[in-house]
PDB file of N, CA and C in Angstrom:
ATOM      1  N   UNK A   1     102.642  76.374  88.193  1.00  0.00           N
ATOM      2  CA  UNK A   1     102.018  77.662  88.366  1.00  0.00           C
ATOM      3  C   UNK A   1     101.614  78.173  86.990  1.00  0.00           C
ATOM      4  N   UNK A   2     100.390  78.662  86.888  1.00  0.00           N
ATOM      5  CA  UNK A   2      99.886  79.209  85.645  1.00  0.00           C
ATOM      6  C   UNK A   2      99.980  80.725  85.686  1.00  0.00           C
ATOM      7  N   UNK A   3     100.574  81.324  84.686  1.00  0.00           N
ATOM      8  CA  UNK A   3     100.749  82.766  84.645  1.00  0.00           C
ATOM      9  C   UNK A   3      99.658  83.400  83.810  1.00  0.00           C
ATOM     10  N   UNK A   4      98.947  84.369  84.421  1.00  0.00           N
ATOM     11  CA  UNK A   4      97.890  85.074  83.703  1.00  0.00           C
ATOM     12  C   UNK A   4      98.179  86.558  83.565  1.00  0.00           C
ATOM     13  N   UNK A   5      99.120  87.081  84.353  1.00  0.00           N
ATOM     14  CA  UNK A   5      99.407  88.508  84.346  1.00  0.00           C
ATOM     15  C   UNK A   5     100.876  88.691  84.694  1.00  0.00           C
ATOM     16  N   UNK A   6     101.614  89.410  83.885  1.00  0.00           N
ATOM     17  CA  UNK A   6     103.044  89.590  84.139  1.00  0.00           C
ATOM     18  C   UNK A   6     103.382  90.995  84.615  1.00  0.00           C
ATOM     19  N   UNK A   7     102.524  91.620  85.395  1.00  0.00           N
ATOM     20  CA  UNK A   7     102.836  92.920  85.977  1.00  0.00           C
ATOM     21  C   UNK A   7     103.574  92.726  87.285  1.00  0.00           C
ATOM     22  N   UNK A   8     103.399  93.671  88.170  1.00  0.00           N
ATOM     23  CA  UNK A   8     103.987  93.578  89.500  1.00  0.00           C
ATOM     24  C   UNK A   8     103.307  92.455  90.275  1.00  0.00           C
ATOM     25  N   UNK A   9     104.069  91.576  90.904  1.00  0.00           N
ATOM     26  CA  UNK A   9     103.442  90.503  91.676  1.00  0.00           C
ATOM     27  C   UNK A   9     102.654  91.059  92.855  1.00  0.00           C
ATOM     28  N   UNK A  10     101.566  90.388  93.208  1.00  0.00           N
ATOM     29  CA  UNK A  10     100.821  90.776  94.408  1.00  0.00           C
ATOM     30  C   UNK A  10     101.513  90.237  95.650  1.00  0.00           C
ATOM     31  N   UNK A  11     102.357  89.229  95.459  1.00  0.00           N
ATOM     32  CA  UNK A  11     103.131  88.658  96.548  1.00  0.00           C
ATOM     33  C   UNK A  11     104.448  88.132  95.986  1.00  0.00           C
ATOM     34  N   UNK A  12     105.541  88.512  96.615  1.00  0.00           N
ATOM     35  CA  UNK A  12     106.854  88.025  96.189  1.00  0.00           C
ATOM     36  C   UNK A  12     107.689  87.723  97.429  1.00  0.00           C
ATOM     37  N   UNK A  13     108.250  86.533  97.465  1.00  0.00           N
ATOM     38  CA  UNK A  13     109.151  86.133  98.540  1.00  0.00           C
ATOM     39  C   UNK A  13     110.510  85.859  97.922  1.00  0.00           C
ATOM     40  N   UNK A  14     111.564  86.305  98.569  1.00  0.00           N
ATOM     41  CA  UNK A  14     112.907  86.120  98.030  1.00  0.00           C
ATOM     42  C   UNK A  14     113.831  85.572  99.117  1.00  0.00           C
ATOM     43  N   UNK A  15     114.357  84.379  98.867  1.00  0.00           N
ATOM     44  CA  UNK A  15     115.361  83.759  99.728  1.00  0.00           C
ATOM     45  C   UNK A  15     114.894  83.620 101.179  1.00  0.00           C
ATOM     46  N   UNK A  16     113.643  83.181 101.371  1.00  0.00           N
ATOM     47  CA  UNK A  16     113.091  82.995 102.711  1.00  0.00           C
ATOM     48  C   UNK A  16     113.753  81.785 103.367  1.00  0.00           C
ATOM     49  N   UNK A  17     114.227  81.995 104.596  1.00  0.00           N
ATOM     50  CA  UNK A  17     114.899  80.932 105.334  1.00  0.00           C
ATOM     51  C   UNK A  17     114.300  80.815 106.732  1.00  0.00           C
ATOM     52  N   UNK A  18     114.129  79.575 107.177  1.00  0.00           N
ATOM     53  CA  UNK A  18     113.625  79.321 108.526  1.00  0.00           C
ATOM     54  C   UNK A  18     114.229  78.016 109.019  1.00  0.00           C
ATOM     55  N   UNK A  19     114.841  78.055 110.202  1.00  0.00           N
ATOM     56  CA  UNK A  19     115.422  76.850 110.787  1.00  0.00           C
ATOM     57  C   UNK A  19     114.922  76.706 112.218  1.00  0.00           C
ATOM     58  N   UNK A  20     115.058  75.512 112.711  1.00  0.00           N
ATOM     59  CA  UNK A  20     114.624  75.187 114.067  1.00  0.00           C
ATOM     60  C   UNK A  20     115.767  74.481 114.772  1.00  0.00           C
ATOM     61  N   UNK A  21     115.908  74.720 116.061  1.00  0.00           N
ATOM     62  CA  UNK A  21     116.959  74.083 116.836  1.00  0.00           C
ATOM     63  C   UNK A  21     118.305  74.768 116.657  1.00  0.00           C
ATOM     64  N   UNK A  22     119.296  74.231 117.346  1.00  0.00           N
ATOM     65  CA  UNK A  22     120.645  74.810 117.294  1.00  0.00           C
ATOM     66  C   UNK A  22     121.684  73.702 117.242  1.00  0.00           C
ATOM     67  N   UNK A  23     122.857  74.060 116.782  1.00  0.00           N
ATOM     68  CA  UNK A  23     123.973  73.122 116.746  1.00  0.00           C
ATOM     69  C   UNK A  23     123.684  71.898 115.902  1.00  0.00           C
ATOM     70  N   UNK A  24     124.020  70.732 116.441  1.00  0.00           N
ATOM     71  CA  UNK A  24     123.820  69.491 115.684  1.00  0.00           C
ATOM     72  C   UNK A  24     122.343  69.126 115.556  1.00  0.00           C
ATOM     73  N   UNK A  25     121.484  69.748 116.371  1.00  0.00           N
ATOM     74  CA  UNK A  25     120.046  69.480 116.308  1.00  0.00           C
ATOM     75  C   UNK A  25     119.325  70.439 115.357  1.00  0.00           C
ATOM     76  N   UNK A  26     120.057  71.310 114.696  1.00  0.00           N
ATOM     77  CA  UNK A  26     119.447  72.304 113.805  1.00  0.00           C
ATOM     78  C   UNK A  26     118.827  71.625 112.584  1.00  0.00           C
ATOM     79  N   UNK A  27     117.614  72.077 112.261  1.00  0.00           N
ATOM     80  CA  UNK A  27     116.907  71.605 111.073  1.00  0.00           C
ATOM     81  C   UNK A  27     116.571  72.815 110.211  1.00  0.00           C
ATOM     82  N   UNK A  28     117.103  72.859 108.986  1.00  0.00           N
ATOM     83  CA  UNK A  28     116.799  73.947 108.059  1.00  0.00           C
ATOM     84  C   UNK A  28     115.523  73.595 107.303  1.00  0.00           C
ATOM     85  N   UNK A  29     114.414  74.115 107.791  1.00  0.00           N
ATOM     86  CA  UNK A  29     113.120  73.815 107.182  1.00  0.00           C
ATOM     87  C   UNK A  29     112.944  74.473 105.829  1.00  0.00           C
ATOM     88  N   UNK A  30     113.260  75.741 105.744  1.00  0.00           N
ATOM     89  CA  UNK A  30     113.186  76.485 104.487  1.00  0.00           C
ATOM     90  C   UNK A  30     114.568  77.065 104.227  1.00  0.00           C
ATOM     91  N   UNK A  31     115.156  76.694 103.120  1.00  0.00           N
ATOM     92  CA  UNK A  31     116.529  77.110 102.824  1.00  0.00           C
ATOM     93  C   UNK A  31     116.572  77.892 101.525  1.00  0.00           C
ATOM     94  N   UNK A  32     116.088  79.128 101.566  1.00  0.00           N
ATOM     95  CA  UNK A  32     116.171  79.990 100.389  1.00  0.00           C
ATOM     96  C   UNK A  32     115.008  79.853  99.434  1.00  0.00           C
ATOM     97  N   UNK A  33     113.784  79.825  99.955  1.00  0.00           N
ATOM     98  CA  UNK A  33     112.592  79.716  99.114  1.00  0.00           C
ATOM     99  C   UNK A  33     112.265  81.071  98.494  1.00  0.00           C
ATOM    100  N   UNK A  34     112.041  81.072  97.193  1.00  0.00           N
ATOM    101  CA  UNK A  34     111.634  82.291  96.471  1.00  0.00           C
ATOM    102  C   UNK A  34     110.428  81.966  95.608  1.00  0.00           C
ATOM    103  N   UNK A  35     109.500  82.897  95.529  1.00  0.00           N
ATOM    104  CA  UNK A  35     108.333  82.730  94.666  1.00  0.00           C
ATOM    105  C   UNK A  35     107.720  84.089  94.388  1.00  0.00           C
ATOM    106  N   UNK A  36     106.945  84.170  93.330  1.00  0.00           N
ATOM    107  CA  UNK A  36     106.154  85.375  93.070  1.00  0.00           C
ATOM    108  C   UNK A  36     104.797  84.935  92.559  1.00  0.00           C
ATOM    109  N   UNK A  37     103.795  85.664  92.959  1.00  0.00           N
ATOM    110  CA  UNK A  37     102.417  85.364  92.604  1.00  0.00           C
ATOM    111  C   UNK A  37     101.787  86.626  92.034  1.00  0.00           C
ATOM    112  N   UNK A  38     101.261  86.505  90.830  1.00  0.00           N
ATOM    113  CA  UNK A  38     100.616  87.632  90.161  1.00  0.00           C
ATOM    114  C   UNK A  38      99.098  87.524  90.276  1.00  0.00           C
ATOM    115  N   UNK A  39      98.407  88.629  90.104  1.00  0.00           N
ATOM    116  CA  UNK A  39      96.945  88.645  90.154  1.00  0.00           C
ATOM    117  C   UNK A  39      96.384  87.606  89.190  1.00  0.00           C
ATOM    118  N   UNK A  40      95.424  86.835  89.658  1.00  0.00           N
ATOM    119  CA  UNK A  40      94.785  85.833  88.824  1.00  0.00           C
ATOM    120  C   UNK A  40      95.457  84.480  88.829  1.00  0.00           C
ATOM    121  N   UNK A  41      96.637  84.375  89.442  1.00  0.00           N
ATOM    122  CA  UNK A  41      97.342  83.099  89.485  1.00  0.00           C
ATOM    123  C   UNK A  41      96.890  82.276  90.686  1.00  0.00           C
ATOM    124  N   UNK A  42      96.995  80.978  90.537  1.00  0.00           N
ATOM    125  CA  UNK A  42      96.765  80.045  91.636  1.00  0.00           C
ATOM    126  C   UNK A  42      98.003  79.183  91.768  1.00  0.00           C
ATOM    127  N   UNK A  43      98.352  78.869  93.006  1.00  0.00           N
ATOM    128  CA  UNK A  43      99.486  77.973  93.232  1.00  0.00           C
ATOM    129  C   UNK A  43      99.071  76.899  94.219  1.00  0.00           C
ATOM    130  N   UNK A  44      99.804  75.824  94.213  1.00  0.00           N
ATOM    131  CA  UNK A  44      99.638  74.765  95.206  1.00  0.00           C
ATOM    132  C   UNK A  44     100.997  74.539  95.851  1.00  0.00           C
ATOM    133  N   UNK A  45     101.006  74.457  97.147  1.00  0.00           N
ATOM    134  CA  UNK A  45     102.232  74.153  97.877  1.00  0.00           C
ATOM    135  C   UNK A  45     102.122  72.693  98.291  1.00  0.00           C
ATOM    136  N   UNK A  46     102.937  71.865  97.685  1.00  0.00           N
ATOM    137  CA  UNK A  46     102.861  70.426  97.928  1.00  0.00           C
ATOM    138  C   UNK A  46     104.211  69.900  98.390  1.00  0.00           C
ATOM    139  N   UNK A  47     104.193  68.816  99.117  1.00  0.00           N
ATOM    140  CA  UNK A  47     105.409  68.172  99.589  1.00  0.00           C
ATOM    141  C   UNK A  47     105.054  67.129 100.618  1.00  0.00           C
ATOM    142  N   UNK A  48     106.029  66.329 100.954  1.00  0.00           N
ATOM    143  CA  UNK A  48     105.794  65.266 101.924  1.00  0.00           C
ATOM    144  C   UNK A  48     105.587  65.854 103.319  1.00  0.00           C
ATOM    145  N   UNK A  49     105.066  65.056 104.194  1.00  0.00           N
ATOM    146  CA  UNK A  49     104.862  65.455 105.579  1.00  0.00           C
ATOM    147  C   UNK A  49     106.185  65.900 106.181  1.00  0.00           C
ATOM    148  N   UNK A  50     106.159  67.045 106.877  1.00  0.00           N
ATOM    149  CA  UNK A  50     107.373  67.543 107.510  1.00  0.00           C
ATOM    150  C   UNK A  50     108.256  68.389 106.614  1.00  0.00           C
ATOM    151  N   UNK A  51     107.771  68.729 105.404  1.00  0.00           N
ATOM    152  CA  UNK A  51     108.605  69.501 104.479  1.00  0.00           C
ATOM    153  C   UNK A  51     108.415  71.014 104.636  1.00  0.00           C
ATOM    154  N   UNK A  52     107.753  71.445 105.700  1.00  0.00           N
ATOM    155  CA  UNK A  52     107.583  72.866 106.056  1.00  0.00           C
ATOM    156  C   UNK A  52     106.618  73.631 105.157  1.00  0.00           C
ATOM    157  N   UNK A  53     105.629  72.942 104.602  1.00  0.00           N
ATOM    158  CA  UNK A  53     104.587  73.629 103.819  1.00  0.00           C
ATOM    159  C   UNK A  53     103.835  74.609 104.703  1.00  0.00           C
ATOM    160  N   UNK A  54     103.445  74.171 105.883  1.00  0.00           N
ATOM    161  CA  UNK A  54     102.716  75.047 106.805  1.00  0.00           C
ATOM    162  C   UNK A  54     103.583  76.200 107.270  1.00  0.00           C
ATOM    163  N   UNK A  55     104.855  75.946 107.474  1.00  0.00           N
ATOM    164  CA  UNK A  55     105.781  77.007 107.863  1.00  0.00           C
ATOM    165  C   UNK A  55     105.811  78.098 106.801  1.00  0.00           C
ATOM    166  N   UNK A  56     105.890  77.702 105.534  1.00  0.00           N
ATOM    167  CA  UNK A  56     105.890  78.683 104.453  1.00  0.00           C
ATOM    168  C   UNK A  56     104.600  79.482 104.454  1.00  0.00           C
ATOM    169  N   UNK A  57     103.467  78.824 104.614  1.00  0.00           N
ATOM    170  CA  UNK A  57     102.190  79.536 104.629  1.00  0.00           C
ATOM    171  C   UNK A  57     102.115  80.528 105.792  1.00  0.00           C
ATOM    172  N   UNK A  58     102.602  80.130 106.965  1.00  0.00           N
ATOM    173  CA  UNK A  58     102.597  81.033 108.118  1.00  0.00           C
ATOM    174  C   UNK A  58     103.471  82.256 107.869  1.00  0.00           C
ATOM    175  N   UNK A  59     104.603  82.060 107.221  1.00  0.00           N
ATOM    176  CA  UNK A  59     105.484  83.188 106.910  1.00  0.00           C
ATOM    177  C   UNK A  59     104.851  84.112 105.886  1.00  0.00           C
ATOM    178  N   UNK A  60     104.236  83.552 104.854  1.00  0.00           N
ATOM    179  CA  UNK A  60     103.602  84.376 103.820  1.00  0.00           C
ATOM    180  C   UNK A  60     102.426  85.170 104.378  1.00  0.00           C
ATOM    181  N   UNK A  61     101.772  84.614 105.398  1.00  0.00           N
ATOM    182  CA  UNK A  61     100.634  85.287 106.027  1.00  0.00           C
ATOM    183  C   UNK A  61     101.056  86.221 107.154  1.00  0.00           C
ATOM    184  N   UNK A  62     102.356  86.368 107.359  1.00  0.00           N
ATOM    185  CA  UNK A  62     102.928  87.212 108.418  1.00  0.00           C
ATOM    186  C   UNK A  62     102.526  86.760 109.810  1.00  0.00           C
ATOM    187  N   UNK A  63     102.318  85.456 109.981  1.00  0.00           N
ATOM    188  CA  UNK A  63     101.996  84.915 111.292  1.00  0.00           C
ATOM    189  C   UNK A  63     103.231  84.374 112.003  1.00  0.00           C
ATOM    190  N   UNK A  64     104.336  84.301 111.302  1.00  0.00           N
ATOM    191  CA  UNK A  64     105.608  83.881 111.871  1.00  0.00           C
ATOM    192  C   UNK A  64     106.706  84.718 111.226  1.00  0.00           C
ATOM    193  N   UNK A  65     107.877  84.679 111.806  1.00  0.00           N
ATOM    194  CA  UNK A  65     108.993  85.490 111.320  1.00  0.00           C
ATOM    195  C   UNK A  65     110.089  84.591 110.759  1.00  0.00           C
ATOM    196  N   UNK A  66     110.550  84.858 109.533  1.00  0.00           N
ATOM    197  CA  UNK A  66     111.642  84.051 108.981  1.00  0.00           C
ATOM    198  C   UNK A  66     112.975  84.435 109.621  1.00  0.00           C
ATOM    199  N   UNK A  67     113.939  83.548 109.481  1.00  0.00           N
ATOM    200  CA  UNK A  67     115.290  83.867 109.946  1.00  0.00           C
ATOM    201  C   UNK A  67     115.961  84.865 109.006  1.00  0.00           C
ATOM    202  N   UNK A  68     115.609  84.798 107.722  1.00  0.00           N
ATOM    203  CA  UNK A  68     116.211  85.670 106.716  1.00  0.00           C
ATOM    204  C   UNK A  68     115.309  85.692 105.486  1.00  0.00           C
ATOM    205  N   UNK A  69     115.518  86.670 104.623  1.00  0.00           N
ATOM    206  CA  UNK A  69     114.767  86.783 103.386  1.00  0.00           C
ATOM    207  C   UNK A  69     113.867  88.011 103.382  1.00  0.00           C
ATOM    208  N   UNK A  70     113.249  88.260 102.228  1.00  0.00           N
ATOM    209  CA  UNK A  70     112.370  89.414 102.098  1.00  0.00           C
ATOM    210  C   UNK A  70     111.012  88.984 101.557  1.00  0.00           C
ATOM    211  N   UNK A  71     110.003  89.729 101.957  1.00  0.00           N
ATOM    212  CA  UNK A  71     108.642  89.502 101.483  1.00  0.00           C
ATOM    213  C   UNK A  71     108.068  90.835 101.045  1.00  0.00           C
ATOM    214  N   UNK A  72     107.555  90.867  99.837  1.00  0.00           N
ATOM    215  CA  UNK A  72     106.928  92.073  99.308  1.00  0.00           C
ATOM    216  C   UNK A  72     105.507  91.748  98.904  1.00  0.00           C
ATOM    217  N   UNK A  73     104.620  92.642  99.225  1.00  0.00           N
ATOM    218  CA  UNK A  73     103.249  92.542  98.744  1.00  0.00           C
ATOM    219  C   UNK A  73     103.029  93.704  97.797  1.00  0.00           C
ATOM    220  N   UNK A  74     101.951  93.659  97.100  1.00  0.00           N
ATOM    221  CA  UNK A  74     101.629  94.606  96.033  1.00  0.00           C
ATOM    222  C   UNK A  74     101.938  96.055  96.391  1.00  0.00           C
ATOM    223  N   UNK A  75     101.708  96.420  97.625  1.00  0.00           N
ATOM    224  CA  UNK A  75     101.880  97.815  98.024  1.00  0.00           C
ATOM    225  C   UNK A  75     103.237  98.128  98.623  1.00  0.00           C
ATOM    226  N   UNK A  76     104.141  97.155  98.656  1.00  0.00           N
ATOM    227  CA  UNK A  76     105.486  97.457  99.134  1.00  0.00           C
ATOM    228  C   UNK A  76     106.107  96.369  99.973  1.00  0.00           C
ATOM    229  N   UNK A  77     107.304  96.661 100.466  1.00  0.00           N
ATOM    230  CA  UNK A  77     108.108  95.733 101.263  1.00  0.00           C
ATOM    231  C   UNK A  77     107.513  95.586 102.657  1.00  0.00           C
ATOM    232  N   UNK A  78     107.505  94.374 103.157  1.00  0.00           N
ATOM    233  CA  UNK A  78     107.011  94.113 104.505  1.00  0.00           C
ATOM    234  C   UNK A  78     108.181  93.843 105.428  1.00  0.00           C
ATOM    235  N   UNK A  79     108.108  94.395 106.612  1.00  0.00           N
ATOM    236  CA  UNK A  79     109.170  94.217 107.596  1.00  0.00           C
ATOM    237  C   UNK A  79     108.790  93.115 108.569  1.00  0.00           C
ATOM    238  N   UNK A  80     109.747  92.270 108.914  1.00  0.00           N
ATOM    239  CA  UNK A  80     109.547  91.215 109.896  1.00  0.00           C
ATOM    240  C   UNK A  80     110.220  91.653 111.184  1.00  0.00           C
ATOM    241  N   UNK A  81     109.623  92.556 111.907  1.00  0.00           N
ATOM    242  CA  UNK A  81     110.300  93.079 113.091  1.00  0.00           C
ATOM    243  C   UNK A  81     109.713  92.467 114.369  1.00  0.00           C
ATOM    244  N   UNK A  82     108.552  92.879 114.755  1.00  0.00           N
ATOM    245  CA  UNK A  82     107.929  92.396 115.992  1.00  0.00           C
ATOM    246  C   UNK A  82     106.548  91.821 115.676  1.00  0.00           C
ATOM    247  N   UNK A  83     105.984  91.128 116.652  1.00  0.00           N
ATOM    248  CA  UNK A  83     104.621  90.617 116.482  1.00  0.00           C
ATOM    249  C   UNK A  83     103.647  91.757 116.206  1.00  0.00           C
ATOM    250  N   UNK A  84     103.786  92.862 116.936  1.00  0.00           N
ATOM    251  CA  UNK A  84     102.892  94.008 116.738  1.00  0.00           C
ATOM    252  C   UNK A  84     103.023  94.584 115.330  1.00  0.00           C
ATOM    253  N   UNK A  85     104.241  94.695 114.829  1.00  0.00           N
ATOM    254  CA  UNK A  85     104.459  95.237 113.486  1.00  0.00           C
ATOM    255  C   UNK A  85     103.842  94.321 112.430  1.00  0.00           C
ATOM    256  N   UNK A  86     104.004  93.007 112.590  1.00  0.00           N
ATOM    257  CA  UNK A  86     103.418  92.074 111.627  1.00  0.00           C
ATOM    258  C   UNK A  86     101.893  92.134 111.674  1.00  0.00           C
ATOM    259  N   UNK A  87     101.326  92.296 112.873  1.00  0.00           N
ATOM    260  CA  UNK A  87      99.871  92.413 113.006  1.00  0.00           C
ATOM    261  C   UNK A  87      99.368  93.645 112.272  1.00  0.00           C
ATOM    262  N   UNK A  88     100.035  94.766 112.438  1.00  0.00           N
ATOM    263  CA  UNK A  88      99.632  95.992 111.739  1.00  0.00           C
ATOM    264  C   UNK A  88      99.721  95.818 110.232  1.00  0.00           C
ATOM    265  N   UNK A  89     100.770  95.147 109.755  1.00  0.00           N
ATOM    266  CA  UNK A  89     100.926  94.944 108.314  1.00  0.00           C
ATOM    267  C   UNK A  89      99.862  94.000 107.767  1.00  0.00           C
ATOM    268  N   UNK A  90      99.466  92.993 108.546  1.00  0.00           N
ATOM    269  CA  UNK A  90      98.385  92.100 108.097  1.00  0.00           C
ATOM    270  C   UNK A  90      97.101  92.882 107.891  1.00  0.00           C
ATOM    271  N   UNK A  91      96.862  93.865 108.744  1.00  0.00           N
ATOM    272  CA  UNK A  91      95.649  94.681 108.633  1.00  0.00           C
ATOM    273  C   UNK A  91      95.705  95.632 107.440  1.00  0.00           C
ATOM    274  N   UNK A  92      96.908  95.988 106.992  1.00  0.00           N
ATOM    275  CA  UNK A  92      97.055  96.865 105.831  1.00  0.00           C
ATOM    276  C   UNK A  92      96.760  96.138 104.527  1.00  0.00           C
ATOM    277  N   UNK A  93      96.871  94.808 104.526  1.00  0.00           N
ATOM    278  CA  UNK A  93      96.754  94.019 103.305  1.00  0.00           C
ATOM    279  C   UNK A  93      95.676  92.933 103.429  1.00  0.00           C
ATOM    280  N   UNK A  94      94.448  93.301 103.787  1.00  0.00           N
ATOM    281  CA  UNK A  94      93.414  92.260 103.938  1.00  0.00           C
ATOM    282  C   UNK A  94      93.131  91.585 102.594  1.00  0.00           C
ATOM    283  N   UNK A  95      92.872  90.309 102.651  1.00  0.00           N
ATOM    284  CA  UNK A  95      92.508  89.581 101.441  1.00  0.00           C
ATOM    285  C   UNK A  95      93.664  89.105 100.620  1.00  0.00           C
ATOM    286  N   UNK A  96      94.886  89.378 101.024  1.00  0.00           N
ATOM    287  CA  UNK A  96      96.053  88.927 100.252  1.00  0.00           C
ATOM    288  C   UNK A  96      96.569  87.638 100.818  1.00  0.00           C
TER     289      UNK A  96
END
């Protein structure tokens, strides 16, 4: 990641967790992912097939709900409550 601006991040994720299945069939896809992205930065999310890259992108875009963790965008903390709440928040932050 290349840093061009060290102000408030436009996107920050802290300890994002997402698992699938239950019991012995449980798969921890994301186990405590944290990142911050500042204005002007570019990132690449890379990994082998099945490493939950798409899952992370869906969570960052508020199209899915994590099991745990926090997500903040430039204008404040985002809540992962219901589908309707996430839809409203996506509309508050177009282009992010």
